[in-house]
Amino acid sequence: MIRFVVGPERVIVPDLAARLPGRGIWLSARGDVVETARTRGAFAKAARGPVTVPSDLLSGLQAALVRRVGEQLGLARRAGQAVAGFSKAREWLETGRAAVVVQAADGSPEERARFLGGWTGTVVTPLTGAMLGAVFGRDHVVHVAVAAGRLAERIATESGRLAGLMASDIIAKGAGGGLSPGRRTSGRPERPASAPSGDTTIDDRPAQPDGTI
């Protein structure tokens, strides 16, 4: 789920790290849920008063999550917890070091499947090859392996959120439109521990830092 708060001048502000003070408005990380809440007054009802909801709320959330995934991959690379390239990343799969595989959204489906070779761990596709390349100092990257740990968990979770937010766009645009959603072979991403269940929920509890960047 994604937490929102009412910011200055009664503007709805996304709180992706779930750290900002104030009453939390939790929405499922799905594009249709966010758009329905934006267009049908759900935020005003939840906030018990008039609010301003940015017209580009969904695209802004997508862009923010793309940045967060890139930042977390960069941290993993610098910490020696991520490697890029077919040979190096495949070695991590074969030795059991990889917990999450990140593949380019615009990579060849056949090449991506050949790389996995039946591996059954978590696979996500949140970024294009050029975006992954920028993280690893290359022009283009298709395969990244990430070692087990907090960063791998965050990358998987944020990729899952992004996938949910982009699903409606991809359905509308067709197979050729935009980034593709992430795929988790080990199940759906977990929501933050402090997040209630349901598509739209109000939570009066203070936000709890979760260590997310």
N, C-alpha and C. Protein backbone atom coordinates (compact mmCIF):
# COMPACT_ATOMS: atom_id res chain seq x y z
N MET A 1 0.85 -1.19 0.00
CA MET A 1 0.00 0.00 0.00
C MET A 1 0.88 1.24 0.00
N ILE A 2 0.26 2.39 -0.27
CA ILE A 2 0.96 3.67 -0.28
C ILE A 2 0.25 4.62 0.66
N ARG A 3 1.04 5.30 1.47
CA ARG A 3 0.49 6.24 2.45
C ARG A 3 0.52 7.67 1.89
N PHE A 4 -0.55 8.41 2.15
CA PHE A 4 -0.65 9.82 1.79
C PHE A 4 -0.98 10.61 3.06
N VAL A 5 -0.56 11.86 3.08
CA VAL A 5 -0.93 12.75 4.17
C VAL A 5 -1.40 14.07 3.57
N VAL A 6 -2.09 14.86 4.39
CA VAL A 6 -2.50 16.20 3.98
C VAL A 6 -1.38 17.15 4.33
N GLY A 7 -0.77 17.75 3.32
CA GLY A 7 0.37 18.64 3.52
C GLY A 7 -0.06 20.08 3.69
N PRO A 8 0.89 21.00 3.62
CA PRO A 8 0.59 22.43 3.72
C PRO A 8 -0.43 22.85 2.67
N GLU A 9 -1.28 23.77 3.06
CA GLU A 9 -2.33 24.29 2.17
C GLU A 9 -3.28 23.19 1.72
N ARG A 10 -3.40 22.14 2.54
CA ARG A 10 -4.36 21.06 2.31
C ARG A 10 -4.12 20.34 0.99
N VAL A 11 -2.87 20.17 0.62
CA VAL A 11 -2.51 19.44 -0.59
C VAL A 11 -2.17 18.00 -0.22
N ILE A 12 -2.69 17.04 -0.98
CA ILE A 12 -2.39 15.64 -0.73
C ILE A 12 -0.95 15.34 -1.15
N VAL A 13 -0.20 14.75 -0.22
CA VAL A 13 1.23 14.48 -0.44
C VAL A 13 1.49 12.99 -0.27
N PRO A 14 2.09 12.32 -1.26
CA PRO A 14 2.47 10.91 -1.07
C PRO A 14 3.57 10.80 -0.02
N ASP A 15 3.49 9.76 0.80
CA ASP A 15 4.49 9.50 1.83
C ASP A 15 5.00 8.08 1.61
N LEU A 16 5.84 7.90 0.59
CA LEU A 16 6.27 6.57 0.19
C LEU A 16 7.06 5.84 1.28
N ALA A 17 7.78 6.59 2.11
CA ALA A 17 8.55 5.97 3.18
C ALA A 17 7.73 5.80 4.46
N ALA A 18 6.48 6.28 4.46
CA ALA A 18 5.59 6.17 5.63
C ALA A 18 6.23 6.77 6.87
N ARG A 19 6.77 7.98 6.73
CA ARG A 19 7.45 8.64 7.85
C ARG A 19 6.82 9.96 8.26
N LEU A 20 6.05 10.58 7.39
CA LEU A 20 5.54 11.91 7.67
C LEU A 20 4.50 11.88 8.79
N PRO A 21 4.46 12.91 9.62
CA PRO A 21 3.48 12.96 10.70
C PRO A 21 2.08 13.22 10.17
N GLY A 22 1.10 12.92 10.99
CA GLY A 22 -0.28 13.21 10.62
C GLY A 22 -1.06 11.96 10.30
N ARG A 23 -2.35 12.16 10.11
CA ARG A 23 -3.25 11.06 9.79
C ARG A 23 -2.88 10.48 8.43
N GLY A 24 -2.75 9.18 8.35
CA GLY A 24 -2.39 8.54 7.10
C GLY A 24 -3.60 8.09 6.32
N ILE A 25 -3.56 8.31 5.03
CA ILE A 25 -4.57 7.80 4.11
C ILE A 25 -3.87 6.74 3.27
N TRP A 26 -4.23 5.49 3.47
CA TRP A 26 -3.56 4.38 2.80
C TRP A 26 -4.38 3.92 1.60
N LEU A 27 -3.72 3.79 0.46
CA LEU A 27 -4.36 3.25 -0.73
C LEU A 27 -3.57 2.05 -1.23
N SER A 28 -4.26 1.09 -1.81
CA SER A 28 -3.56 -0.01 -2.47
C SER A 28 -2.71 0.56 -3.59
N ALA A 29 -1.53 -0.01 -3.79
CA ALA A 29 -0.63 0.45 -4.84
C ALA A 29 -1.11 -0.09 -6.18
N ARG A 30 -2.25 0.46 -6.62
CA ARG A 30 -2.83 0.08 -7.91
C ARG A 30 -3.26 1.34 -8.62
N GLY A 31 -2.97 1.42 -9.90
CA GLY A 31 -3.30 2.62 -10.64
C GLY A 31 -4.77 2.94 -10.64
N ASP A 32 -5.63 1.93 -10.77
CA ASP A 32 -7.07 2.20 -10.80
C ASP A 32 -7.56 2.71 -9.45
N VAL A 33 -7.00 2.21 -8.36
CA VAL A 33 -7.42 2.67 -7.04
C VAL A 33 -7.03 4.13 -6.82
N VAL A 34 -5.79 4.48 -7.19
CA VAL A 34 -5.32 5.86 -7.02
C VAL A 34 -6.15 6.81 -7.87
N GLU A 35 -6.42 6.45 -9.12
CA GLU A 35 -7.18 7.32 -10.01
C GLU A 35 -8.63 7.47 -9.54
N THR A 36 -9.21 6.38 -9.05
CA THR A 36 -10.58 6.47 -8.53
C THR A 36 -10.64 7.37 -7.31
N ALA A 37 -9.67 7.23 -6.41
CA ALA A 37 -9.63 8.09 -5.23
C ALA A 37 -9.45 9.55 -5.61
N ARG A 38 -8.65 9.81 -6.64
CA ARG A 38 -8.39 11.19 -7.06
C ARG A 38 -9.61 11.83 -7.69
N THR A 39 -10.33 11.08 -8.51
CA THR A 39 -11.42 11.67 -9.29
C THR A 39 -12.77 11.63 -8.58
N ARG A 40 -12.90 10.82 -7.56
CA ARG A 40 -14.22 10.67 -6.93
C ARG A 40 -14.28 11.20 -5.50
N GLY A 41 -13.31 12.00 -5.13
CA GLY A 41 -13.39 12.68 -3.84
C GLY A 41 -13.05 11.83 -2.63
N ALA A 42 -12.38 10.70 -2.83
CA ALA A 42 -12.08 9.83 -1.69
C ALA A 42 -11.10 10.49 -0.73
N PHE A 43 -10.16 11.28 -1.25
CA PHE A 43 -9.19 11.93 -0.37
C PHE A 43 -9.87 12.95 0.53
N ALA A 44 -10.78 13.75 -0.03
CA ALA A 44 -11.50 14.75 0.77
C ALA A 44 -12.34 14.08 1.85
N LYS A 45 -12.98 13.00 1.51
CA LYS A 45 -13.78 12.27 2.49
C LYS A 45 -12.91 11.72 3.60
N ALA A 46 -11.77 11.15 3.22
CA ALA A 46 -10.87 10.57 4.22
C ALA A 46 -10.27 11.66 5.11
N ALA A 47 -9.98 12.82 4.52
CA ALA A 47 -9.36 13.91 5.27
C ALA A 47 -10.38 14.75 6.03
N ARG A 48 -11.66 14.46 5.84
CA ARG A 48 -12.75 15.17 6.52
C ARG A 48 -12.73 16.66 6.22
N GLY A 49 -12.52 16.97 4.97
CA GLY A 49 -12.51 18.37 4.56
C GLY A 49 -11.95 18.51 3.16
N PRO A 50 -12.09 19.68 2.57
CA PRO A 50 -11.59 19.88 1.20
C PRO A 50 -10.07 19.76 1.12
N VAL A 51 -9.60 19.15 0.07
CA VAL A 51 -8.17 19.01 -0.18
C VAL A 51 -7.90 19.23 -1.66
N THR A 52 -6.65 19.51 -1.97
CA THR A 52 -6.22 19.62 -3.36
C THR A 52 -5.45 18.37 -3.73
N VAL A 53 -5.89 17.71 -4.79
CA VAL A 53 -5.22 16.49 -5.24
C VAL A 53 -4.55 16.79 -6.58
N PRO A 54 -3.24 16.65 -6.69
CA PRO A 54 -2.56 16.93 -7.96
C PRO A 54 -3.14 16.09 -9.09
N SER A 55 -3.33 16.72 -10.24
CA SER A 55 -3.88 15.99 -11.39
C SER A 55 -2.91 14.92 -11.89
N ASP A 56 -1.62 15.12 -11.64
CA ASP A 56 -0.62 14.15 -12.09
C ASP A 56 -0.18 13.23 -10.96
N LEU A 57 -1.07 12.97 -10.01
CA LEU A 57 -0.71 12.17 -8.84
C LEU A 57 -0.16 10.80 -9.25
N LEU A 58 -0.83 10.12 -10.15
CA LEU A 58 -0.41 8.77 -10.53
C LEU A 58 0.94 8.78 -11.23
N SER A 59 1.11 9.66 -12.21
CA SER A 59 2.39 9.70 -12.93
C SER A 59 3.51 10.16 -12.01
N GLY A 60 3.20 11.04 -11.06
CA GLY A 60 4.20 11.47 -10.10
C GLY A 60 4.64 10.33 -9.20
N LEU A 61 3.69 9.50 -8.77
CA LEU A 61 4.02 8.34 -7.95
C LEU A 61 4.89 7.35 -8.73
N GLN A 62 4.54 7.12 -9.98
CA GLN A 62 5.32 6.21 -10.81
C GLN A 62 6.77 6.70 -10.95
N ALA A 63 6.91 7.99 -11.23
CA ALA A 63 8.26 8.55 -11.40
C ALA A 63 9.05 8.46 -10.10
N ALA A 64 8.39 8.71 -8.97
CA ALA A 64 9.07 8.67 -7.68
C ALA A 64 9.54 7.24 -7.37
N LEU A 65 8.72 6.26 -7.69
CA LEU A 65 9.11 4.87 -7.42
C LEU A 65 10.23 4.42 -8.35
N VAL A 66 10.22 4.89 -9.58
CA VAL A 66 11.34 4.59 -10.49
C VAL A 66 12.64 5.12 -9.89
N ARG A 67 12.58 6.36 -9.37
CA ARG A 67 13.79 6.94 -8.75
C ARG A 67 14.21 6.13 -7.53
N ARG A 68 13.27 5.72 -6.71
CA ARG A 68 13.61 4.98 -5.50
C ARG A 68 14.24 3.63 -5.82
N VAL A 69 13.72 2.94 -6.82
CA VAL A 69 14.31 1.67 -7.21
C VAL A 69 15.74 1.89 -7.70
N GLY A 70 15.93 2.92 -8.52
CA GLY A 70 17.27 3.22 -9.02
C GLY A 70 18.23 3.56 -7.89
N GLU A 71 17.76 4.35 -6.92
CA GLU A 71 18.62 4.72 -5.79
C GLU A 71 19.00 3.49 -4.96
N GLN A 72 18.05 2.61 -4.73
CA GLN A 72 18.32 1.42 -3.93
C GLN A 72 19.25 0.45 -4.66
N LEU A 73 19.09 0.35 -5.97
CA LEU A 73 20.03 -0.46 -6.75
C LEU A 73 21.44 0.13 -6.69
N GLY A 74 21.51 1.46 -6.74
CA GLY A 74 22.81 2.11 -6.63
C GLY A 74 23.47 1.83 -5.29
N LEU A 75 22.70 1.87 -4.22
CA LEU A 75 23.24 1.54 -2.90
C LEU A 75 23.72 0.08 -2.86
N ALA A 76 22.92 -0.80 -3.44
CA ALA A 76 23.31 -2.22 -3.45
C ALA A 76 24.60 -2.42 -4.25
N ARG A 77 24.72 -1.73 -5.37
CA ARG A 77 25.95 -1.85 -6.16
C ARG A 77 27.16 -1.38 -5.37
N ARG A 78 27.04 -0.22 -4.73
CA ARG A 78 28.17 0.33 -3.98
C ARG A 78 28.52 -0.52 -2.77
N ALA A 79 27.54 -1.22 -2.23
CA ALA A 79 27.79 -2.09 -1.07
C ALA A 79 28.26 -3.48 -1.48
N GLY A 80 28.42 -3.71 -2.76
CA GLY A 80 28.84 -5.04 -3.22
C GLY A 80 27.73 -6.06 -3.15
N GLN A 81 26.48 -5.60 -3.10
CA GLN A 81 25.34 -6.50 -2.98
C GLN A 81 24.58 -6.67 -4.29
N ALA A 82 25.10 -6.12 -5.38
CA ALA A 82 24.45 -6.26 -6.68
C ALA A 82 25.50 -6.29 -7.78
N VAL A 83 25.28 -7.15 -8.76
CA VAL A 83 26.16 -7.21 -9.93
C VAL A 83 25.30 -7.21 -11.18
N ALA A 84 25.88 -6.69 -12.28
CA ALA A 84 25.16 -6.59 -13.55
C ALA A 84 25.90 -7.36 -14.62
N GLY A 85 25.16 -7.76 -15.64
CA GLY A 85 25.75 -8.50 -16.75
C GLY A 85 25.38 -9.97 -16.70
N PHE A 86 25.25 -10.60 -17.86
CA PHE A 86 24.77 -11.98 -17.94
C PHE A 86 25.65 -12.92 -17.12
N SER A 87 26.96 -12.89 -17.34
CA SER A 87 27.85 -13.87 -16.72
C SER A 87 27.93 -13.71 -15.21
N LYS A 88 28.18 -12.48 -14.75
CA LYS A 88 28.32 -12.26 -13.30
C LYS A 88 27.02 -12.52 -12.56
N ALA A 89 25.93 -12.01 -13.10
CA ALA A 89 24.64 -12.20 -12.43
C ALA A 89 24.23 -13.67 -12.44
N ARG A 90 24.49 -14.36 -13.54
CA ARG A 90 24.14 -15.77 -13.62
C ARG A 90 24.95 -16.59 -12.61
N GLU A 91 26.20 -16.20 -12.41
CA GLU A 91 27.02 -16.89 -11.41
C GLU A 91 26.41 -16.78 -10.02
N TRP A 92 25.86 -15.61 -9.70
CA TRP A 92 25.21 -15.44 -8.40
C TRP A 92 23.98 -16.33 -8.29
N LEU A 93 23.24 -16.51 -9.39
CA LEU A 93 22.10 -17.42 -9.35
C LEU A 93 22.55 -18.85 -9.08
N GLU A 94 23.60 -19.27 -9.77
CA GLU A 94 24.05 -20.65 -9.67
C GLU A 94 24.66 -20.97 -8.31
N THR A 95 25.25 -19.97 -7.66
CA THR A 95 25.87 -20.19 -6.36
C THR A 95 24.93 -19.92 -5.20
N GLY A 96 23.70 -19.51 -5.51
CA GLY A 96 22.71 -19.26 -4.46
C GLY A 96 22.85 -17.93 -3.76
N ARG A 97 23.67 -17.04 -4.30
CA ARG A 97 23.86 -15.75 -3.64
C ARG A 97 22.73 -14.77 -3.96
N ALA A 98 22.10 -14.91 -5.12
CA ALA A 98 21.07 -13.96 -5.54
C ALA A 98 19.75 -14.21 -4.83
N ALA A 99 19.16 -13.13 -4.31
CA ALA A 99 17.83 -13.22 -3.71
C ALA A 99 16.78 -12.60 -4.63
N VAL A 100 17.19 -11.60 -5.39
CA VAL A 100 16.30 -10.90 -6.31
C VAL A 100 17.03 -10.70 -7.63
N VAL A 101 16.32 -10.92 -8.71
CA VAL A 101 16.84 -10.61 -10.04
C VAL A 101 16.06 -9.43 -10.60
N VAL A 102 16.78 -8.43 -11.06
CA VAL A 102 16.18 -7.28 -11.72
C VAL A 102 16.54 -7.37 -13.19
N GLN A 103 15.53 -7.38 -14.06
CA GLN A 103 15.78 -7.44 -15.49
C GLN A 103 15.17 -6.23 -16.18
N ALA A 104 15.78 -5.83 -17.30
CA ALA A 104 15.31 -4.67 -18.04
C ALA A 104 13.90 -4.91 -18.57
N ALA A 105 13.03 -3.93 -18.37
CA ALA A 105 11.65 -4.06 -18.83
C ALA A 105 11.56 -4.19 -20.34
N ASP A 106 12.53 -3.59 -21.04
CA ASP A 106 12.51 -3.64 -22.50
C ASP A 106 13.47 -4.69 -23.06
N GLY A 107 13.95 -5.56 -22.21
CA GLY A 107 14.83 -6.64 -22.67
C GLY A 107 14.06 -7.70 -23.42
N SER A 108 14.75 -8.47 -24.24
CA SER A 108 14.12 -9.54 -25.00
C SER A 108 13.54 -10.60 -24.05
N PRO A 109 12.26 -10.94 -24.20
CA PRO A 109 11.68 -11.99 -23.33
C PRO A 109 12.45 -13.30 -23.43
N GLU A 110 12.92 -13.63 -24.63
CA GLU A 110 13.66 -14.89 -24.80
C GLU A 110 14.98 -14.84 -24.04
N GLU A 111 15.70 -13.70 -24.14
CA GLU A 111 16.98 -13.58 -23.44
C GLU A 111 16.76 -13.59 -21.93
N ARG A 112 15.72 -12.91 -21.45
CA ARG A 112 15.45 -12.89 -20.02
C ARG A 112 15.15 -14.29 -19.51
N ALA A 113 14.36 -15.06 -20.28
CA ALA A 113 14.04 -16.43 -19.88
C ALA A 113 15.28 -17.32 -19.92
N ARG A 114 16.14 -17.13 -20.93
CA ARG A 114 17.36 -17.93 -21.03
C ARG A 114 18.28 -17.67 -19.85
N PHE A 115 18.35 -16.40 -19.42
CA PHE A 115 19.18 -16.06 -18.28
C PHE A 115 18.68 -16.76 -17.01
N LEU A 116 17.38 -16.74 -16.78
CA LEU A 116 16.82 -17.32 -15.56
C LEU A 116 17.03 -18.84 -15.55
N GLY A 117 16.85 -19.48 -16.68
CA GLY A 117 17.11 -20.91 -16.78
C GLY A 117 16.40 -21.75 -15.74
N GLY A 118 15.16 -21.41 -15.42
CA GLY A 118 14.40 -22.17 -14.44
C GLY A 118 14.55 -21.70 -13.01
N TRP A 119 15.33 -20.62 -12.79
CA TRP A 119 15.48 -20.08 -11.43
C TRP A 119 14.11 -19.63 -10.93
N THR A 120 13.79 -19.93 -9.67
CA THR A 120 12.43 -19.70 -9.17
C THR A 120 12.34 -18.62 -8.10
N GLY A 121 13.37 -17.77 -8.00
CA GLY A 121 13.32 -16.70 -7.01
C GLY A 121 12.51 -15.51 -7.49
N THR A 122 12.69 -14.40 -6.81
CA THR A 122 11.96 -13.18 -7.12
C THR A 122 12.57 -12.46 -8.31
N VAL A 123 11.74 -12.15 -9.29
CA VAL A 123 12.18 -11.44 -10.49
C VAL A 123 11.31 -10.21 -10.68
N VAL A 124 11.94 -9.05 -10.88
CA VAL A 124 11.20 -7.82 -11.10
C VAL A 124 11.75 -7.12 -12.33
N THR A 125 10.91 -6.32 -12.99
CA THR A 125 11.33 -5.61 -14.20
C THR A 125 10.87 -4.15 -14.12
N PRO A 126 11.40 -3.38 -13.18
CA PRO A 126 10.88 -2.02 -12.97
C PRO A 126 11.48 -0.97 -13.88
N LEU A 127 12.68 -1.19 -14.43
CA LEU A 127 13.40 -0.16 -15.16
C LEU A 127 13.78 -0.64 -16.55
N THR A 128 14.02 0.31 -17.45
CA THR A 128 14.50 -0.03 -18.79
C THR A 128 15.99 -0.37 -18.73
N GLY A 129 16.48 -0.91 -19.83
CA GLY A 129 17.90 -1.24 -19.90
C GLY A 129 18.78 -0.01 -19.77
N ALA A 130 18.34 1.13 -20.32
CA ALA A 130 19.12 2.36 -20.19
C ALA A 130 19.15 2.85 -18.75
N MET A 131 18.03 2.72 -18.04
CA MET A 131 17.98 3.13 -16.64
C MET A 131 18.90 2.25 -15.79
N LEU A 132 18.86 0.95 -16.03
CA LEU A 132 19.75 0.05 -15.29
C LEU A 132 21.20 0.35 -15.65
N GLY A 133 21.45 0.65 -16.89
CA GLY A 133 22.80 0.98 -17.30
C GLY A 133 23.33 2.21 -16.59
N ALA A 134 22.47 3.21 -16.40
CA ALA A 134 22.89 4.42 -15.70
C ALA A 134 23.31 4.12 -14.27
N VAL A 135 22.64 3.16 -13.63
CA VAL A 135 22.99 2.79 -12.26
C VAL A 135 24.37 2.14 -12.20
N PHE A 136 24.68 1.33 -13.22
CA PHE A 136 25.92 0.55 -13.20
C PHE A 136 27.01 1.12 -14.10
N GLY A 137 26.82 2.36 -14.55
CA GLY A 137 27.86 3.01 -15.33
C GLY A 137 28.05 2.42 -16.71
N ARG A 138 26.98 1.93 -17.30
CA ARG A 138 27.05 1.34 -18.63
C ARG A 138 25.96 1.97 -19.50
N ASP A 139 26.04 1.69 -20.80
CA ASP A 139 25.00 2.19 -21.69
C ASP A 139 23.71 1.42 -21.52
N HIS A 140 23.82 0.13 -21.29
CA HIS A 140 22.62 -0.72 -21.28
C HIS A 140 22.89 -1.95 -20.43
N VAL A 141 21.95 -2.30 -19.57
CA VAL A 141 22.05 -3.50 -18.74
C VAL A 141 20.71 -4.23 -18.79
N VAL A 142 20.75 -5.53 -18.92
CA VAL A 142 19.51 -6.32 -18.95
C VAL A 142 19.34 -7.15 -17.67
N HIS A 143 20.45 -7.66 -17.11
CA HIS A 143 20.35 -8.58 -15.98
C HIS A 143 21.13 -8.05 -14.78
N VAL A 144 20.46 -8.04 -13.62
CA VAL A 144 21.09 -7.64 -12.36
C VAL A 144 20.71 -8.67 -11.30
N ALA A 145 21.68 -9.10 -10.52
CA ALA A 145 21.41 -9.99 -9.39
C ALA A 145 21.69 -9.22 -8.10
N VAL A 146 20.80 -9.36 -7.12
CA VAL A 146 20.93 -8.66 -5.85
C VAL A 146 20.97 -9.68 -4.73
N ALA A 147 21.95 -9.54 -3.84
CA ALA A 147 22.09 -10.47 -2.72
C ALA A 147 21.00 -10.26 -1.68
N ALA A 148 20.77 -11.28 -0.87
CA ALA A 148 19.76 -11.20 0.17
C ALA A 148 20.10 -10.09 1.16
N GLY A 149 19.05 -9.44 1.67
CA GLY A 149 19.25 -8.36 2.63
C GLY A 149 18.15 -7.32 2.52
N ARG A 150 18.29 -6.28 3.33
CA ARG A 150 17.26 -5.24 3.35
C ARG A 150 17.10 -4.55 2.00
N LEU A 151 18.22 -4.29 1.31
CA LEU A 151 18.12 -3.61 0.03
C LEU A 151 17.37 -4.46 -1.00
N ALA A 152 17.64 -5.75 -1.01
CA ALA A 152 16.91 -6.63 -1.93
C ALA A 152 15.42 -6.61 -1.62
N GLU A 153 15.08 -6.62 -0.34
CA GLU A 153 13.67 -6.58 0.04
C GLU A 153 13.01 -5.28 -0.40
N ARG A 154 13.73 -4.17 -0.21
CA ARG A 154 13.16 -2.88 -0.61
C ARG A 154 12.99 -2.79 -2.11
N ILE A 155 13.98 -3.28 -2.86
CA ILE A 155 13.89 -3.24 -4.32
C ILE A 155 12.68 -4.05 -4.79
N ALA A 156 12.48 -5.23 -4.21
CA ALA A 156 11.34 -6.06 -4.59
C ALA A 156 10.02 -5.39 -4.23
N THR A 157 9.95 -4.80 -3.04
CA THR A 157 8.72 -4.17 -2.61
C THR A 157 8.38 -2.95 -3.45
N GLU A 158 9.37 -2.08 -3.68
CA GLU A 158 9.11 -0.88 -4.47
C GLU A 158 8.79 -1.23 -5.92
N SER A 159 9.43 -2.28 -6.44
CA SER A 159 9.11 -2.72 -7.79
C SER A 159 7.68 -3.25 -7.87
N GLY A 160 7.24 -3.93 -6.83
CA GLY A 160 5.86 -4.40 -6.78
C GLY A 160 4.87 -3.27 -6.74
N ARG A 161 5.18 -2.23 -5.95
CA ARG A 161 4.32 -1.05 -5.92
C ARG A 161 4.23 -0.41 -7.30
N LEU A 162 5.38 -0.25 -7.94
CA LEU A 162 5.43 0.35 -9.27
C LEU A 162 4.63 -0.48 -10.27
N ALA A 163 4.75 -1.79 -10.19
CA ALA A 163 4.01 -2.66 -11.10
C ALA A 163 2.52 -2.45 -10.96
N GLY A 164 2.04 -2.35 -9.72
CA GLY A 164 0.62 -2.13 -9.50
C GLY A 164 0.15 -0.80 -10.03
N LEU A 165 0.97 0.24 -9.85
CA LEU A 165 0.58 1.56 -10.32
C LEU A 165 0.59 1.66 -11.84
N MET A 166 1.45 0.87 -12.49
CA MET A 166 1.57 0.96 -13.94
C MET A 166 0.68 0.00 -14.67
N ALA A 167 0.06 -0.94 -13.98
CA ALA A 167 -0.73 -1.97 -14.65
C ALA A 167 -1.84 -1.37 -15.49
N SER A 168 -2.55 -0.38 -14.97
CA SER A 168 -3.66 0.21 -15.71
C SER A 168 -3.17 0.93 -16.95
N ASP A 169 -1.99 1.59 -16.87
CA ASP A 169 -1.43 2.28 -18.03
C ASP A 169 -1.08 1.28 -19.12
N ILE A 170 -0.50 0.14 -18.74
CA ILE A 170 -0.07 -0.85 -19.72
C ILE A 170 -1.28 -1.48 -20.40
N ILE A 171 -2.33 -1.74 -19.65
CA ILE A 171 -3.55 -2.29 -20.24
C ILE A 171 -4.12 -1.30 -21.25
N ALA A 172 -4.09 0.00 -20.89
CA ALA A 172 -4.66 1.01 -21.78
C ALA A 172 -3.81 1.21 -23.03
N LYS A 173 -2.48 1.17 -22.89
CA LYS A 173 -1.59 1.46 -24.00
C LYS A 173 -1.30 0.25 -24.88
N GLY A 174 -1.48 -0.95 -24.34
CA GLY A 174 -1.13 -2.14 -25.09
C GLY A 174 0.27 -2.60 -24.74
N ALA A 175 0.68 -3.69 -25.32
CA ALA A 175 1.94 -4.31 -24.94
C ALA A 175 3.13 -3.42 -25.18
N GLY A 176 3.05 -2.47 -26.11
CA GLY A 176 4.21 -1.66 -26.41
C GLY A 176 4.34 -0.42 -25.58
N GLY A 177 3.46 -0.17 -24.63
CA GLY A 177 3.46 1.11 -23.94
C GLY A 177 4.22 1.13 -22.64
N GLY A 178 5.18 2.01 -22.54
CA GLY A 178 5.81 2.32 -21.26
C GLY A 178 6.60 1.16 -20.68
N LEU A 179 6.91 1.30 -19.39
CA LEU A 179 7.62 0.25 -18.68
C LEU A 179 6.67 -0.89 -18.39
N SER A 180 7.22 -2.07 -18.26
CA SER A 180 6.38 -3.21 -17.92
C SER A 180 6.37 -3.39 -16.42
N PRO A 181 5.31 -4.01 -15.87
CA PRO A 181 5.26 -4.19 -14.42
C PRO A 181 6.27 -5.22 -13.95
N GLY A 182 6.62 -5.13 -12.69
CA GLY A 182 7.51 -6.12 -12.11
C GLY A 182 6.79 -7.43 -11.91
N ARG A 183 7.54 -8.51 -11.79
CA ARG A 183 6.96 -9.84 -11.57
C ARG A 183 7.65 -10.46 -10.38
N ARG A 184 6.87 -10.93 -9.44
CA ARG A 184 7.44 -11.60 -8.27
C ARG A 184 7.06 -13.06 -8.34
N THR A 185 8.05 -13.92 -8.54
CA THR A 185 7.76 -15.33 -8.63
C THR A 185 7.47 -15.95 -7.27
N SER A 186 7.77 -15.22 -6.20
CA SER A 186 7.54 -15.78 -4.87
C SER A 186 6.35 -15.14 -4.17
N GLY A 187 5.45 -14.53 -4.95
CA GLY A 187 4.24 -13.98 -4.35
C GLY A 187 4.19 -12.47 -4.42
N ARG A 188 3.07 -11.88 -3.99
CA ARG A 188 2.88 -10.45 -4.05
C ARG A 188 3.72 -9.76 -2.98
N PRO A 189 4.16 -8.51 -3.26
CA PRO A 189 4.96 -7.80 -2.26
C PRO A 189 4.15 -7.55 -1.00
N GLU A 190 4.80 -7.62 0.13
CA GLU A 190 4.11 -7.32 1.38
C GLU A 190 3.97 -5.82 1.55
N ARG A 191 2.87 -5.40 2.17
CA ARG A 191 2.73 -3.99 2.48
C ARG A 191 3.48 -3.70 3.77
N PRO A 192 3.78 -2.41 4.05
CA PRO A 192 4.48 -2.08 5.28
C PRO A 192 3.74 -2.61 6.50
N ALA A 193 4.49 -2.93 7.55
CA ALA A 193 3.89 -3.52 8.74
C ALA A 193 2.84 -2.62 9.36
N SER A 194 2.99 -1.29 9.20
CA SER A 194 2.06 -0.36 9.82
C SER A 194 0.84 -0.10 8.95
N ALA A 195 0.78 -0.67 7.75
CA ALA A 195 -0.31 -0.37 6.83
C ALA A 195 -1.52 -1.26 7.11
N PRO A 196 -2.71 -0.67 7.22
CA PRO A 196 -3.91 -1.46 7.39
C PRO A 196 -4.26 -2.17 6.09
N SER A 197 -5.24 -3.06 6.14
CA SER A 197 -5.68 -3.76 4.94
C SER A 197 -6.80 -2.96 4.28
N GLY A 198 -7.15 -3.36 3.04
CA GLY A 198 -8.21 -2.67 2.32
C GLY A 198 -7.64 -1.75 1.26
N ASP A 199 -8.47 -1.40 0.24
CA ASP A 199 -8.00 -0.55 -0.84
C ASP A 199 -7.81 0.89 -0.41
N THR A 200 -8.70 1.39 0.46
CA THR A 200 -8.60 2.76 0.95
C THR A 200 -8.85 2.73 2.45
N THR A 201 -7.89 3.16 3.25
CA THR A 201 -7.99 3.05 4.70
C THR A 201 -7.43 4.29 5.35
N ILE A 202 -8.09 4.73 6.44
CA ILE A 202 -7.58 5.82 7.24
C ILE A 202 -6.89 5.23 8.46
N ASP A 203 -5.75 5.79 8.80
CA ASP A 203 -4.97 5.25 9.91
C ASP A 203 -4.51 6.41 10.78
N ASP A 204 -5.01 6.49 12.00
CA ASP A 204 -4.67 7.58 12.91
C ASP A 204 -3.35 7.36 13.63
N ARG A 205 -2.75 6.21 13.48
CA ARG A 205 -1.50 5.95 14.16
C ARG A 205 -0.38 6.79 13.54
N PRO A 206 0.59 7.25 14.34
CA PRO A 206 1.72 7.97 13.76
C PRO A 206 2.53 7.07 12.86
N ALA A 207 3.11 7.67 11.83
CA ALA A 207 3.95 6.91 10.91
C ALA A 207 5.16 6.38 11.66
N GLN A 208 5.60 5.18 11.30
CA GLN A 208 6.75 4.56 11.94
C GLN A 208 7.87 4.46 10.91
N PRO A 209 9.07 4.95 11.22
CA PRO A 209 10.18 4.79 10.28
C PRO A 209 10.42 3.32 9.98
N ASP A 210 10.57 3.01 8.71
CA ASP A 210 10.76 1.61 8.33
C ASP A 210 12.14 1.36 7.73
N GLY A 211 13.00 2.35 7.79
CA GLY A 211 14.35 2.18 7.27
C GLY A 211 14.44 2.37 5.77
N THR A 212 13.31 2.66 5.12
CA THR A 212 13.33 2.84 3.67
C THR A 212 13.99 4.16 3.31
N ILE A 213 14.72 4.16 2.23
CA ILE A 213 15.42 5.37 1.79
C ILE A 213 14.40 6.39 1.29
